[in-house]
Amino acid sequence: NEMAERGVRQLNIRTPSIFKPIGELSGGNQ
């Protein structure tokens, strides 16, 4: 989870949670 949170912060991935299915994100955030 820490690895995922770090990646979300570093790349400014817009997701409400690291547990959200990636298929529900926009193409840029995927």
PDB file of all heavy atoms in Angstrom:
ATOM      1  N   ASN A   1       0.824  -1.206   0.000  1.00  0.00           N
ATOM      2  CA  ASN A   1       0.000   0.000   0.000  1.00  0.00           C
ATOM      3  C   ASN A   1       0.859   1.258   0.000  1.00  0.00           C
ATOM      4  O   ASN A   1       0.526   2.249  -0.659  1.00  0.00           O
ATOM      5  CB  ASN A   1      -0.941   0.007   1.210  1.00  0.00           C
ATOM      6  CG  ASN A   1      -2.000  -1.076   1.122  1.00  0.00           C
ATOM      7  OD1 ASN A   1      -2.230  -1.643   0.063  1.00  0.00           O
ATOM      8  ND2 ASN A   1      -2.644  -1.374   2.243  1.00  0.00           N
ATOM      9  N   GLU A   2       1.971   1.223   0.754  1.00  0.00           N
ATOM     10  CA  GLU A   2       2.878   2.376   0.785  1.00  0.00           C
ATOM     11  C   GLU A   2       3.479   2.622  -0.590  1.00  0.00           C
ATOM     12  O   GLU A   2       3.621   3.776  -1.019  1.00  0.00           O
ATOM     13  CB  GLU A   2       3.983   2.156   1.829  1.00  0.00           C
ATOM     14  CG  GLU A   2       3.498   2.265   3.264  1.00  0.00           C
ATOM     15  CD  GLU A   2       4.573   1.931   4.274  1.00  0.00           C
ATOM     16  OE1 GLU A   2       5.691   1.517   3.835  1.00  0.00           O
ATOM     17  OE2 GLU A   2       4.329   2.067   5.496  1.00  0.00           O
ATOM     18  N   MET A   3       3.835   1.546  -1.300  1.00  0.00           N
ATOM     19  CA  MET A   3       4.372   1.680  -2.652  1.00  0.00           C
ATOM     20  C   MET A   3       3.343   2.333  -3.568  1.00  0.00           C
ATOM     21  O   MET A   3       3.659   3.239  -4.349  1.00  0.00           O
ATOM     22  CB  MET A   3       4.767   0.310  -3.214  1.00  0.00           C
ATOM     23  CG  MET A   3       5.232   0.330  -4.669  1.00  0.00           C
ATOM     24  SD  MET A   3       5.452  -1.333  -5.334  1.00  0.00           S
ATOM     25  CE  MET A   3       6.865  -1.883  -4.385  1.00  0.00           C
ATOM     26  N   ALA A   4       2.102   1.861  -3.455  1.00  0.00           N
ATOM     27  CA  ALA A   4       1.039   2.405  -4.295  1.00  0.00           C
ATOM     28  C   ALA A   4       0.765   3.870  -3.967  1.00  0.00           C
ATOM     29  O   ALA A   4       0.631   4.704  -4.867  1.00  0.00           O
ATOM     30  CB  ALA A   4      -0.227   1.579  -4.140  1.00  0.00           C
ATOM     31  N   GLU A   5       0.688   4.187  -2.679  1.00  0.00           N
ATOM     32  CA  GLU A   5       0.440   5.575  -2.276  1.00  0.00           C
ATOM     33  C   GLU A   5       1.559   6.491  -2.752  1.00  0.00           C
ATOM     34  O   GLU A   5       1.305   7.627  -3.192  1.00  0.00           O
ATOM     35  CB  GLU A   5       0.307   5.671  -0.743  1.00  0.00           C
ATOM     36  CG  GLU A   5      -0.915   4.962  -0.160  1.00  0.00           C
ATOM     37  CD  GLU A   5      -2.201   5.744  -0.367  1.00  0.00           C
ATOM     38  OE1 GLU A   5      -2.173   6.758  -1.095  1.00  0.00           O
ATOM     39  OE2 GLU A   5      -3.233   5.316   0.186  1.00  0.00           O
ATOM     40  N   ARG A   6       2.797   5.997  -2.690  1.00  0.00           N
ATOM     41  CA  ARG A   6       3.936   6.788  -3.142  1.00  0.00           C
ATOM     42  C   ARG A   6       3.823   7.068  -4.640  1.00  0.00           C
ATOM     43  O   ARG A   6       4.045   8.195  -5.101  1.00  0.00           O
ATOM     44  CB  ARG A   6       5.240   6.049  -2.834  1.00  0.00           C
ATOM     45  CG  ARG A   6       6.495   6.840  -3.153  1.00  0.00           C
ATOM     46  CD  ARG A   6       7.717   6.222  -2.488  1.00  0.00           C
ATOM     47  NE  ARG A   6       7.905   4.825  -2.846  1.00  0.00           N
ATOM     48  CZ  ARG A   6       7.735   3.800  -2.013  1.00  0.00           C
ATOM     49  NH1 ARG A   6       7.349   4.017  -0.764  1.00  0.00           N
ATOM     50  NH2 ARG A   6       7.950   2.560  -2.402  1.00  0.00           N
ATOM     51  N   GLY A   7       3.442   6.039  -5.418  1.00  0.00           N
ATOM     52  CA  GLY A   7       3.281   6.221  -6.855  1.00  0.00           C
ATOM     53  C   GLY A   7       2.171   7.200  -7.185  1.00  0.00           C
ATOM     54  O   GLY A   7       2.308   8.034  -8.096  1.00  0.00           O
ATOM     55  N   VAL A   8       1.059   7.122  -6.450  1.00  0.00           N
ATOM     56  CA  VAL A   8      -0.066   8.048  -6.661  1.00  0.00           C
ATOM     57  C   VAL A   8       0.361   9.481  -6.385  1.00  0.00           C
ATOM     58  O   VAL A   8       0.023  10.403  -7.138  1.00  0.00           O
ATOM     59  CB  VAL A   8      -1.270   7.639  -5.782  1.00  0.00           C
ATOM     60  CG1 VAL A   8      -2.316   8.755  -5.743  1.00  0.00           C
ATOM     61  CG2 VAL A   8      -1.886   6.343  -6.296  1.00  0.00           C
ATOM     62  N   ARG A   9       1.138   9.690  -5.309  1.00  0.00           N
ATOM     63  CA  ARG A   9       1.604  11.044  -4.973  1.00  0.00           C
ATOM     64  C   ARG A   9       2.606  11.552  -6.008  1.00  0.00           C
ATOM     65  O   ARG A   9       2.496  12.687  -6.490  1.00  0.00           O
ATOM     66  CB  ARG A   9       2.258  11.056  -3.581  1.00  0.00           C
ATOM     67  CG  ARG A   9       1.292  10.947  -2.413  1.00  0.00           C
ATOM     68  CD  ARG A   9       2.005  11.322  -1.118  1.00  0.00           C
ATOM     69  NE  ARG A   9       3.228  10.543  -0.903  1.00  0.00           N
ATOM     70  CZ  ARG A   9       3.276   9.379  -0.293  1.00  0.00           C
ATOM     71  NH1 ARG A   9       2.157   8.825   0.167  1.00  0.00           N
ATOM     72  NH2 ARG A   9       4.424   8.746  -0.128  1.00  0.00           N
ATOM     73  N   GLN A  10       3.573  10.735  -6.343  1.00  0.00           N
ATOM     74  CA  GLN A  10       4.633  11.158  -7.254  1.00  0.00           C
ATOM     75  C   GLN A  10       4.083  11.581  -8.613  1.00  0.00           C
ATOM     76  O   GLN A  10       4.552  12.566  -9.206  1.00  0.00           O
ATOM     77  CB  GLN A  10       5.649  10.024  -7.451  1.00  0.00           C
ATOM     78  CG  GLN A  10       6.585   9.800  -6.288  1.00  0.00           C
ATOM     79  CD  GLN A  10       7.526   8.627  -6.554  1.00  0.00           C
ATOM     80  OE1 GLN A  10       7.255   7.749  -7.364  1.00  0.00           O
ATOM     81  NE2 GLN A  10       8.646   8.618  -5.859  1.00  0.00           N
ATOM     82  N   LEU A  11       3.102  10.846  -9.114  1.00  0.00           N
ATOM     83  CA  LEU A  11       2.612  11.087 -10.467  1.00  0.00           C
ATOM     84  C   LEU A  11       1.260  11.785 -10.497  1.00  0.00           C
ATOM     85  O   LEU A  11       0.651  11.904 -11.561  1.00  0.00           O
ATOM     86  CB  LEU A  11       2.542   9.759 -11.230  1.00  0.00           C
ATOM     87  CG  LEU A  11       3.882   9.023 -11.370  1.00  0.00           C
ATOM     88  CD1 LEU A  11       3.724   7.779 -12.212  1.00  0.00           C
ATOM     89  CD2 LEU A  11       4.929   9.927 -11.996  1.00  0.00           C
ATOM     90  N   ASN A  12       0.804  12.227  -9.330  1.00  0.00           N
ATOM     91  CA  ASN A  12      -0.456  12.969  -9.266  1.00  0.00           C
ATOM     92  C   ASN A  12      -1.590  12.198  -9.934  1.00  0.00           C
ATOM     93  O   ASN A  12      -2.334  12.732 -10.767  1.00  0.00           O
ATOM     94  CB  ASN A  12      -0.298  14.359  -9.908  1.00  0.00           C
ATOM     95  CG  ASN A  12      -1.480  15.270  -9.638  1.00  0.00           C
ATOM     96  OD1 ASN A  12      -2.155  15.125  -8.615  1.00  0.00           O
ATOM     97  ND2 ASN A  12      -1.762  16.180 -10.560  1.00  0.00           N
ATOM     98  N   ILE A  13      -1.727  10.919  -9.586  1.00  0.00           N
ATOM     99  CA  ILE A  13      -2.796  10.076 -10.133  1.00  0.00           C
ATOM    100  C   ILE A  13      -4.096  10.449  -9.439  1.00  0.00           C
ATOM    101  O   ILE A  13      -4.200  10.363  -8.212  1.00  0.00           O
ATOM    102  CB  ILE A  13      -2.475   8.585  -9.921  1.00  0.00           C
ATOM    103  CG1 ILE A  13      -1.173   8.221 -10.654  1.00  0.00           C
ATOM    104  CG2 ILE A  13      -3.622   7.708 -10.426  1.00  0.00           C
ATOM    105  CD1 ILE A  13      -0.626   6.850 -10.297  1.00  0.00           C
ATOM    106  N   ARG A  14      -5.074  10.866 -10.219  1.00  0.00           N
ATOM    107  CA  ARG A  14      -6.344  11.312  -9.640  1.00  0.00           C
ATOM    108  C   ARG A  14      -7.256  10.106  -9.414  1.00  0.00           C
ATOM    109  O   ARG A  14      -7.877   9.593 -10.336  1.00  0.00           O
ATOM    110  CB  ARG A  14      -6.997  12.342 -10.550  1.00  0.00           C
ATOM    111  CG  ARG A  14      -6.178  13.624 -10.687  1.00  0.00           C
ATOM    112  CD  ARG A  14      -6.863  14.645 -11.572  1.00  0.00           C
ATOM    113  NE  ARG A  14      -6.042  15.829 -11.741  1.00  0.00           N
ATOM    114  CZ  ARG A  14      -5.157  15.999 -12.717  1.00  0.00           C
ATOM    115  NH1 ARG A  14      -5.003  15.037 -13.605  1.00  0.00           N
ATOM    116  NH2 ARG A  14      -4.449  17.100 -12.815  1.00  0.00           N
ATOM    117  N   THR A  15      -7.297   9.662  -8.178  1.00  0.00           N
ATOM    118  CA  THR A  15      -8.148   8.543  -7.780  1.00  0.00           C
ATOM    119  C   THR A  15      -8.591   8.776  -6.347  1.00  0.00           C
ATOM    120  O   THR A  15      -7.785   9.266  -5.528  1.00  0.00           O
ATOM    121  CB  THR A  15      -7.406   7.195  -7.895  1.00  0.00           C
ATOM    122  OG1 THR A  15      -8.253   6.150  -7.414  1.00  0.00           O
ATOM    123  CG2 THR A  15      -6.104   7.184  -7.117  1.00  0.00           C
ATOM    124  N   PRO A  16      -9.838   8.464  -6.002  1.00  0.00           N
ATOM    125  CA  PRO A  16     -10.271   8.651  -4.610  1.00  0.00           C
ATOM    126  C   PRO A  16      -9.574   7.704  -3.652  1.00  0.00           C
ATOM    127  O   PRO A  16      -9.541   7.959  -2.452  1.00  0.00           O
ATOM    128  CB  PRO A  16     -11.774   8.379  -4.677  1.00  0.00           C
ATOM    129  CG  PRO A  16     -11.981   7.564  -5.912  1.00  0.00           C
ATOM    130  CD  PRO A  16     -10.933   8.011  -6.875  1.00  0.00           C
ATOM    131  N   SER A  17      -9.009   6.611  -4.187  1.00  0.00           N
ATOM    132  CA  SER A  17      -8.389   5.608  -3.310  1.00  0.00           C
ATOM    133  C   SER A  17      -7.505   4.693  -4.148  1.00  0.00           C
ATOM    134  O   SER A  17      -7.763   4.472  -5.331  1.00  0.00           O
ATOM    135  CB  SER A  17      -9.469   4.789  -2.610  1.00  0.00           C
ATOM    136  OG  SER A  17      -8.952   3.606  -2.065  1.00  0.00           O
ATOM    137  N   ILE A  18      -6.462   4.141  -3.531  1.00  0.00           N
ATOM    138  CA  ILE A  18      -5.623   3.157  -4.228  1.00  0.00           C
ATOM    139  C   ILE A  18      -6.370   1.845  -4.422  1.00  0.00           C
ATOM    140  O   ILE A  18      -5.916   0.977  -5.174  1.00  0.00           O
ATOM    141  CB  ILE A  18      -4.304   2.890  -3.471  1.00  0.00           C
ATOM    142  CG1 ILE A  18      -4.585   2.321  -2.067  1.00  0.00           C
ATOM    143  CG2 ILE A  18      -3.435   4.124  -3.427  1.00  0.00           C
ATOM    144  CD1 ILE A  18      -3.344   1.826  -1.337  1.00  0.00           C
ATOM    145  N   PHE A  19      -7.536   1.726  -3.789  1.00  0.00           N
ATOM    146  CA  PHE A  19      -8.329   0.501  -3.908  1.00  0.00           C
ATOM    147  C   PHE A  19      -9.397   0.592  -5.004  1.00  0.00           C
ATOM    148  O   PHE A  19     -10.130  -0.356  -5.227  1.00  0.00           O
ATOM    149  CB  PHE A  19      -8.989   0.182  -2.560  1.00  0.00           C
ATOM    150  CG  PHE A  19      -8.010   0.041  -1.439  1.00  0.00           C
ATOM    151  CD1 PHE A  19      -7.838   1.058  -0.515  1.00  0.00           C
ATOM    152  CD2 PHE A  19      -7.224  -1.100  -1.325  1.00  0.00           C
ATOM    153  CE1 PHE A  19      -6.914   0.942   0.523  1.00  0.00           C
ATOM    154  CE2 PHE A  19      -6.297  -1.234  -0.299  1.00  0.00           C
ATOM    155  CZ  PHE A  19      -6.140  -0.209   0.619  1.00  0.00           C
ATOM    156  N   LYS A  20      -9.468   1.718  -5.689  1.00  0.00           N
ATOM    157  CA  LYS A  20     -10.448   1.884  -6.768  1.00  0.00           C
ATOM    158  C   LYS A  20      -9.996   1.086  -7.988  1.00  0.00           C
ATOM    159  O   LYS A  20      -8.818   1.103  -8.349  1.00  0.00           O
ATOM    160  CB  LYS A  20     -10.579   3.359  -7.142  1.00  0.00           C
ATOM    161  CG  LYS A  20     -11.681   3.636  -8.165  1.00  0.00           C
ATOM    162  CD  LYS A  20     -11.831   5.121  -8.420  1.00  0.00           C
ATOM    163  CE  LYS A  20     -12.951   5.408  -9.413  1.00  0.00           C
ATOM    164  NZ  LYS A  20     -14.275   5.021  -8.892  1.00  0.00           N
ATOM    165  N   PRO A  21     -10.911   0.356  -8.655  1.00  0.00           N
ATOM    166  CA  PRO A  21     -10.540  -0.374  -9.877  1.00  0.00           C
ATOM    167  C   PRO A  21      -9.975   0.581 -10.930  1.00  0.00           C
ATOM    168  O   PRO A  21     -10.563   1.634 -11.197  1.00  0.00           O
ATOM    169  CB  PRO A  21     -11.861  -0.987 -10.345  1.00  0.00           C
ATOM    170  CG  PRO A  21     -12.682  -1.098  -9.099  1.00  0.00           C
ATOM    171  CD  PRO A  21     -12.317   0.104  -8.276  1.00  0.00           C
ATOM    172  N   ILE A  22      -8.857   0.229 -11.520  1.00  0.00           N
ATOM    173  CA  ILE A  22      -8.198   1.122 -12.463  1.00  0.00           C
ATOM    174  C   ILE A  22      -9.055   1.360 -13.704  1.00  0.00           C
ATOM    175  O   ILE A  22      -8.982   2.418 -14.335  1.00  0.00           O
ATOM    176  CB  ILE A  22      -6.809   0.572 -12.865  1.00  0.00           C
ATOM    177  CG1 ILE A  22      -6.019   1.626 -13.652  1.00  0.00           C
ATOM    178  CG2 ILE A  22      -6.944  -0.708 -13.669  1.00  0.00           C
ATOM    179  CD1 ILE A  22      -4.592   1.223 -13.943  1.00  0.00           C
ATOM    180  N   GLY A  23      -9.904   0.389 -14.060  1.00  0.00           N
ATOM    181  CA  GLY A  23     -10.763   0.541 -15.233  1.00  0.00           C
ATOM    182  C   GLY A  23     -11.752   1.679 -15.096  1.00  0.00           C
ATOM    183  O   GLY A  23     -12.322   2.124 -16.096  1.00  0.00           O
ATOM    184  N   GLU A  24     -11.968   2.174 -13.874  1.00  0.00           N
ATOM    185  CA  GLU A  24     -12.897   3.279 -13.642  1.00  0.00           C
ATOM    186  C   GLU A  24     -12.201   4.636 -13.667  1.00  0.00           C
ATOM    187  O   GLU A  24     -12.853   5.673 -13.509  1.00  0.00           O
ATOM    188  CB  GLU A  24     -13.619   3.082 -12.307  1.00  0.00           C
ATOM    189  CG  GLU A  24     -14.507   1.835 -12.289  1.00  0.00           C
ATOM    190  CD  GLU A  24     -15.180   1.615 -10.945  1.00  0.00           C
ATOM    191  OE1 GLU A  24     -15.130   2.536 -10.107  1.00  0.00           O
ATOM    192  OE2 GLU A  24     -15.747   0.519 -10.737  1.00  0.00           O
ATOM    193  N   LEU A  25     -10.872   4.643 -13.870  1.00  0.00           N
ATOM    194  CA  LEU A  25     -10.145   5.905 -13.980  1.00  0.00           C
ATOM    195  C   LEU A  25     -10.118   6.372 -15.428  1.00  0.00           C
ATOM    196  O   LEU A  25     -10.341   5.604 -16.355  1.00  0.00           O
ATOM    197  CB  LEU A  25      -8.698   5.748 -13.476  1.00  0.00           C
ATOM    198  CG  LEU A  25      -8.476   5.282 -12.046  1.00  0.00           C
ATOM    199  CD1 LEU A  25      -6.992   5.347 -11.719  1.00  0.00           C
ATOM    200  CD2 LEU A  25      -9.284   6.107 -11.065  1.00  0.00           C
ATOM    201  N   SER A  26      -9.795   7.640 -15.625  1.00  0.00           N
ATOM    202  CA  SER A  26      -9.633   8.171 -16.976  1.00  0.00           C
ATOM    203  C   SER A  26      -8.387   7.575 -17.626  1.00  0.00           C
ATOM    204  O   SER A  26      -7.506   7.016 -16.948  1.00  0.00           O
ATOM    205  CB  SER A  26      -9.499   9.695 -16.920  1.00  0.00           C
ATOM    206  OG  SER A  26      -8.262  10.061 -16.323  1.00  0.00           O
ATOM    207  N   GLY A  27      -8.296   7.724 -18.948  1.00  0.00           N
ATOM    208  CA  GLY A  27      -7.153   7.176 -19.671  1.00  0.00           C
ATOM    209  C   GLY A  27      -5.829   7.750 -19.200  1.00  0.00           C
ATOM    210  O   GLY A  27      -4.830   7.036 -19.085  1.00  0.00           O
ATOM    211  N   GLY A  28      -5.802   9.070 -18.919  1.00  0.00           N
ATOM    212  CA  GLY A  28      -4.562   9.684 -18.451  1.00  0.00           C
ATOM    213  C   GLY A  28      -4.108   9.138 -17.125  1.00  0.00           C
ATOM    214  O   GLY A  28      -2.919   8.901 -16.898  1.00  0.00           O
ATOM    215  N   ASN A  29      -5.048   8.898 -16.214  1.00  0.00           N
ATOM    216  CA  ASN A  29      -4.686   8.363 -14.897  1.00  0.00           C
ATOM    217  C   ASN A  29      -4.340   6.881 -14.964  1.00  0.00           C
ATOM    218  O   ASN A  29      -3.518   6.392 -14.186  1.00  0.00           O
ATOM    219  CB  ASN A  29      -5.821   8.628 -13.914  1.00  0.00           C
ATOM    220  CG  ASN A  29      -5.894  10.089 -13.513  1.00  0.00           C
ATOM    221  OD1 ASN A  29      -4.945  10.645 -12.982  1.00  0.00           O
ATOM    222  ND2 ASN A  29      -7.016  10.734 -13.798  1.00  0.00           N
ATOM    223  N   GLN A  30      -4.947   6.150 -15.895  1.00  0.00           N
ATOM    224  CA  GLN A  30      -4.519   4.767 -16.131  1.00  0.00           C
ATOM    225  C   GLN A  30      -3.071   4.750 -16.606  1.00  0.00           C
ATOM    226  O   GLN A  30      -2.257   3.934 -16.147  1.00  0.00           O
ATOM    227  CB  GLN A  30      -5.415   4.113 -17.178  1.00  0.00           C
ATOM    228  CG  GLN A  30      -6.820   3.802 -16.713  1.00  0.00           C
ATOM    229  CD  GLN A  30      -7.664   3.178 -17.803  1.00  0.00           C
ATOM    230  OE1 GLN A  30      -7.174   2.815 -18.866  1.00  0.00           O
ATOM    231  NE2 GLN A  30      -8.963   3.052 -17.555  1.00  0.00           N
TER     232      GLN A  30
END
